[in-house]
Amino acid sequence: MRKFSLFVALCCFTISVFAQNYPRGFQTITYNDPNRANRAVAVDIYYPAVSAGSNTPVANDSFPFVVFGHGFVIATADYSGYADSLVKKGFIVAMPSTESTTGASHPNFAQDLIFIYNKLISESATNVSSPFYQKVRKRGAKLGWLAPVVLSVEGIATINPFFTNESA
C-alpha cells in the first residue's frame, strides 16, 4: 500500500509539473442563429493562446470546450476567473452574454447555449476564416447558473418542472 501511495503521489506531481499552462486569449464574437430569425448571440470566448491578450491567435492544438451560462443580471466578466483557470489547463470557454437582464428569457438562453455549443464545433470543422478553425474538439460541455434550466455535460438541456414561467 505504501508503494502504491508513493506511486500515485509521484504521478500527480509529474502531471502538475509538466501540465501545459496556456496564456489566455479573449474575443467577443456575435453569431446569428438562422433557426431563430437570425437572433444575434454575442459570446465572450476565452481560449488557450499563443500569447495573452485580446484577439491573439489560438494556441497550436485542438482543445476541449465549455459553454458556460452566466447567472441572470450577472456579467460574463464576473466569471472570468473560472475561465482563466480552465484556459490555463487547455480549455476553450464560451460565455454567451445574452439574456442578462431581469426580464431574461430562460428558454432563449438555453437555446443560445445549445447554439454556441454547435457553432463552435461547426466553426472548427468548416470555417477556414474562423480563429477557431481546427482548434475545437468535437465534444464539449454546457454548464451554468440557470435556475429553471438543467444542463449536463452530455449537452442535454431540459426545463426544470418546478418552475412554471420564465420569470421564476
Protein backbone atom coordinates (compact mmCIF):
# COMPACT_ATOMS: atom_id res chain seq x y z
CA MET A 1 0.00 0.00 0.00
CA ARG A 2 2.86 2.36 0.80
CA LYS A 3 4.44 1.84 -2.63
CA PHE A 4 1.09 2.44 -4.31
CA SER A 5 0.58 5.71 -2.39
CA LEU A 6 4.06 6.85 -3.36
CA PHE A 7 3.36 5.96 -6.99
CA VAL A 8 0.09 7.95 -7.02
CA ALA A 9 1.77 10.96 -5.38
CA LEU A 10 4.62 10.83 -7.91
CA CYS A 11 2.16 10.63 -10.83
CA CYS A 12 0.16 13.61 -9.54
CA PHE A 13 3.34 15.63 -9.04
CA THR A 14 4.60 14.77 -12.52
CA ILE A 15 1.31 15.75 -14.14
CA SER A 16 1.16 19.07 -12.29
CA VAL A 17 4.76 19.92 -13.13
CA PHE A 18 4.50 19.05 -16.82
CA ALA A 19 0.94 20.24 -17.47
CA GLN A 20 0.75 22.95 -20.10
CA ASN A 21 -0.04 26.37 -18.69
CA TYR A 22 -1.50 28.36 -21.60
CA PRO A 23 -1.75 32.14 -21.78
CA ARG A 24 -5.34 33.43 -22.05
CA GLY A 25 -6.69 34.85 -25.27
CA PHE A 26 -10.05 36.62 -25.42
CA GLN A 27 -12.52 37.56 -28.14
CA THR A 28 -16.11 38.75 -28.26
CA ILE A 29 -17.92 37.42 -31.31
CA THR A 30 -21.56 37.74 -32.37
CA TYR A 31 -23.04 34.81 -34.27
CA ASN A 32 -26.50 34.84 -35.86
CA ASP A 33 -28.79 31.85 -35.35
CA PRO A 34 -30.66 31.29 -38.65
CA ASN A 35 -33.13 28.92 -36.95
CA ARG A 36 -34.36 31.72 -34.68
CA ALA A 37 -34.91 34.63 -37.10
CA ASN A 38 -31.16 35.36 -37.20
CA ARG A 39 -31.09 36.02 -33.47
CA ALA A 40 -27.80 37.73 -32.58
CA VAL A 41 -25.93 35.71 -29.95
CA ALA A 42 -22.95 37.61 -28.54
CA VAL A 43 -20.39 35.38 -26.87
CA ASP A 44 -17.21 36.09 -24.91
CA ILE A 45 -14.66 33.42 -25.76
CA TYR A 46 -11.63 32.73 -23.58
CA TYR A 47 -9.09 30.35 -25.10
CA PRO A 48 -5.55 28.96 -24.89
CA ALA A 49 -3.50 31.42 -26.91
CA VAL A 50 -0.04 31.88 -28.36
CA SER A 51 0.26 34.98 -26.13
CA ALA A 52 -2.05 36.64 -23.63
CA GLY A 53 -4.40 39.36 -24.84
CA SER A 54 -7.44 40.22 -26.90
CA ASN A 55 -7.77 38.75 -30.40
CA THR A 56 -4.46 36.90 -30.18
CA PRO A 57 -4.07 33.65 -32.16
CA VAL A 58 -5.32 30.41 -30.64
CA ALA A 59 -2.52 28.09 -29.49
CA ASN A 60 -1.47 25.39 -31.93
CA ASP A 61 -3.59 22.41 -30.87
CA SER A 62 -7.24 21.40 -30.63
CA PHE A 63 -8.97 21.89 -27.30
CA PRO A 64 -12.00 20.65 -25.38
CA PHE A 65 -14.53 23.37 -24.65
CA VAL A 66 -17.12 24.52 -22.16
CA VAL A 67 -20.12 26.72 -22.93
CA PHE A 68 -20.87 28.48 -19.66
CA GLY A 69 -24.18 30.19 -18.88
CA HIS A 70 -23.93 33.21 -16.61
CA GLY A 71 -26.42 33.93 -13.88
CA PHE A 72 -29.06 36.46 -14.82
CA VAL A 73 -28.12 40.10 -14.15
CA ILE A 74 -24.51 38.97 -13.78
CA ALA A 75 -21.97 39.95 -16.43
CA THR A 76 -19.84 37.29 -18.08
CA ALA A 77 -16.74 39.19 -16.91
CA ASP A 78 -17.71 38.27 -13.33
CA TYR A 79 -16.90 34.66 -14.24
CA SER A 80 -13.58 35.40 -15.94
CA GLY A 81 -11.66 33.84 -13.05
CA TYR A 82 -13.29 30.48 -13.79
CA ALA A 83 -12.50 30.91 -17.47
CA ASP A 84 -8.86 31.79 -16.70
CA SER A 85 -8.45 28.63 -14.63
CA LEU A 86 -9.85 26.42 -17.39
CA VAL A 87 -7.94 28.15 -20.20
CA LYS A 88 -4.62 27.64 -18.41
CA LYS A 89 -5.32 23.90 -18.47
CA GLY A 90 -6.22 23.85 -22.15
CA PHE A 91 -9.96 24.51 -22.39
CA ILE A 92 -11.86 26.95 -24.57
CA VAL A 93 -14.58 28.70 -22.54
CA ALA A 94 -17.50 30.36 -24.35
CA MET A 95 -19.87 32.57 -22.36
CA PRO A 96 -22.91 33.91 -24.21
CA SER A 97 -23.74 37.40 -22.92
CA THR A 98 -27.39 37.36 -23.96
CA GLU A 99 -30.36 37.41 -21.57
CA SER A 100 -28.54 39.33 -18.85
CA THR A 101 -31.44 41.47 -17.63
CA THR A 102 -34.12 40.90 -15.02
CA GLY A 103 -36.62 40.14 -17.80
CA ALA A 104 -34.43 37.40 -19.26
CA SER A 105 -35.97 34.51 -21.17
CA HIS A 106 -34.70 31.23 -19.77
CA PRO A 107 -35.76 29.20 -22.83
CA ASN A 108 -33.99 31.66 -25.17
CA PHE A 109 -30.83 31.50 -23.08
CA ALA A 110 -30.88 27.70 -23.05
CA GLN A 111 -31.19 27.77 -26.84
CA ASP A 112 -28.30 30.26 -27.01
CA LEU A 113 -26.10 27.82 -25.06
CA ILE A 114 -27.02 24.97 -27.39
CA PHE A 115 -26.47 27.17 -30.45
CA ILE A 116 -22.99 28.26 -29.29
CA TYR A 117 -22.08 24.65 -28.47
CA ASN A 118 -22.94 23.58 -32.02
CA LYS A 119 -21.49 26.73 -33.60
CA LEU A 120 -18.04 26.20 -32.07
CA ILE A 121 -17.96 22.67 -33.45
CA SER A 122 -19.06 23.78 -36.93
CA GLU A 123 -16.65 26.76 -36.97
CA SER A 124 -13.80 24.41 -36.16
CA ALA A 125 -14.80 21.91 -38.84
CA THR A 126 -15.83 24.10 -41.78
CA ASN A 127 -14.97 27.80 -41.48
CA VAL A 128 -11.38 28.31 -42.59
CA SER A 129 -11.60 32.04 -41.80
CA SER A 130 -12.60 31.40 -38.18
CA PRO A 131 -9.92 31.89 -35.50
CA PHE A 132 -11.17 28.55 -34.11
CA TYR A 133 -10.78 26.58 -37.34
CA GLN A 134 -9.48 23.11 -36.40
CA LYS A 135 -8.96 24.28 -32.80
CA VAL A 136 -12.13 22.91 -31.13
CA ARG A 137 -12.62 19.26 -30.26
CA LYS A 138 -15.98 17.83 -31.30
CA ARG A 139 -17.21 17.22 -27.78
CA GLY A 140 -17.69 19.80 -25.07
CA ALA A 141 -19.84 20.61 -22.07
CA LYS A 142 -22.56 23.10 -21.19
CA LEU A 143 -22.52 24.45 -17.65
CA GLY A 144 -24.00 27.39 -15.85
CA TRP A 145 -26.08 29.15 -13.25
CA LEU A 146 -29.64 28.75 -14.51
CA ALA A 147 -32.43 28.06 -12.06
CA PRO A 148 -35.02 26.63 -14.47
CA VAL A 149 -32.63 25.02 -16.93
CA VAL A 150 -30.74 21.85 -16.13
CA LEU A 151 -27.64 21.37 -18.27
CA SER A 152 -25.49 18.29 -18.34
CA VAL A 153 -22.04 17.51 -19.66
CA GLU A 154 -23.73 15.32 -22.27
CA GLY A 155 -25.16 18.50 -23.77
CA ILE A 156 -28.83 17.91 -22.93
CA ALA A 157 -30.97 20.86 -21.86
CA THR A 158 -34.33 20.42 -20.16
CA ILE A 159 -36.69 22.79 -18.43
CA ASN A 160 -36.98 22.19 -14.70
CA PRO A 161 -40.62 21.27 -13.95
CA PHE A 162 -40.56 23.16 -10.62
CA PHE A 163 -40.59 26.46 -12.46
CA THR A 164 -43.81 27.33 -14.24
CA ASN A 165 -42.91 30.56 -16.02
CA GLU A 166 -39.87 32.27 -17.48
CA SER A 167 -39.53 34.84 -14.69
CA ALA A 168 -39.49 32.35 -11.83
